[in-house]
Amino acid sequence: MFPSPQTLIVEKPSTLRDFIKGLGPEIWYAYDQRVIVVLVNGEGGWPSKPLKIGDRVALFPIVSGG
């Protein structure tokens, strides 16, 4: 399960963990299993990172090859 790349705008203050959980169980699972990269305003973020209104959260699937 790989969600498509997307950029979302935070509409209410929360933590990164709660924001991603609010996107649905599939995206939360992908985040928890580390198959997507999450950037907040162009920088990496930890799950407890506080988000404020207007922050940009970008989701990218990890691409690898063998």
Protein backbone atom coordinates (compact mmCIF):
# COMPACT_ATOMS: atom_id res chain seq x y z
CA MET A 1 0.00 0.00 0.00
CA PHE A 2 1.69 3.16 -1.22
CA PRO A 3 -0.28 6.42 -1.09
CA SER A 4 0.31 8.81 -3.95
CA PRO A 5 2.54 11.87 -3.37
CA GLN A 6 0.51 14.72 -1.94
CA THR A 7 0.86 17.98 -0.07
CA LEU A 8 -1.72 18.91 2.55
CA ILE A 9 -2.29 22.11 4.52
CA VAL A 10 -2.88 21.89 8.27
CA GLU A 11 -6.30 23.32 9.15
CA LYS A 12 -6.19 22.87 12.94
CA PRO A 13 -3.30 22.59 15.41
CA SER A 14 -2.23 19.04 16.27
CA THR A 15 0.82 16.82 16.40
CA LEU A 16 2.19 15.20 13.27
CA ARG A 17 1.12 11.78 14.61
CA ASP A 18 -2.50 12.92 15.12
CA PHE A 19 -2.56 14.67 11.74
CA ILE A 20 -1.44 11.52 9.93
CA LYS A 21 -3.85 9.32 11.92
CA GLY A 22 -6.62 11.66 10.79
CA LEU A 23 -5.82 10.88 7.14
CA GLY A 24 -7.05 7.31 7.54
CA PRO A 25 -5.80 3.89 8.60
CA GLU A 26 -4.00 3.14 5.33
CA ILE A 27 -1.82 6.25 5.45
CA TRP A 28 -1.19 5.76 9.18
CA TYR A 29 -0.11 2.16 8.49
CA ALA A 30 2.24 3.28 5.70
CA TYR A 31 3.74 5.93 8.00
CA ASP A 32 4.07 3.47 10.88
CA GLN A 33 5.77 0.91 8.59
CA ARG A 34 8.06 3.64 7.19
CA VAL A 35 7.10 3.18 3.55
CA ILE A 36 6.34 6.89 3.14
CA VAL A 37 8.43 9.97 3.88
CA VAL A 38 6.71 12.89 5.59
CA LEU A 39 8.04 16.45 5.38
CA VAL A 40 6.67 19.41 7.31
CA ASN A 41 7.38 22.71 5.58
CA GLY A 42 10.13 21.00 3.60
CA GLU A 43 11.86 19.49 6.63
CA GLY A 44 11.70 16.14 8.36
CA GLY A 45 9.51 15.82 11.41
CA TRP A 46 9.12 13.52 14.36
CA PRO A 47 5.71 12.12 15.40
CA SER A 48 5.34 14.51 18.34
CA LYS A 49 6.18 17.59 16.24
CA PRO A 50 3.52 20.26 16.85
CA LEU A 51 1.76 21.49 13.72
CA LYS A 52 0.13 24.88 13.38
CA ILE A 53 -2.49 26.18 10.98
CA GLY A 54 -1.01 26.74 7.52
CA ASP A 55 1.87 24.26 7.82
CA ARG A 56 2.45 22.16 4.69
CA VAL A 57 2.71 18.39 5.15
CA ALA A 58 4.08 16.50 2.14
CA LEU A 59 3.76 12.72 1.80
CA PHE A 60 6.02 10.75 -0.56
CA PRO A 61 6.20 6.98 -1.04
CA ILE A 62 9.68 5.56 -0.65
CA VAL A 63 10.93 4.35 -4.02
CA SER A 64 13.50 1.58 -4.12
CA GLY A 65 14.76 -0.92 -6.59
CA GLY A 66 16.72 -4.06 -6.59
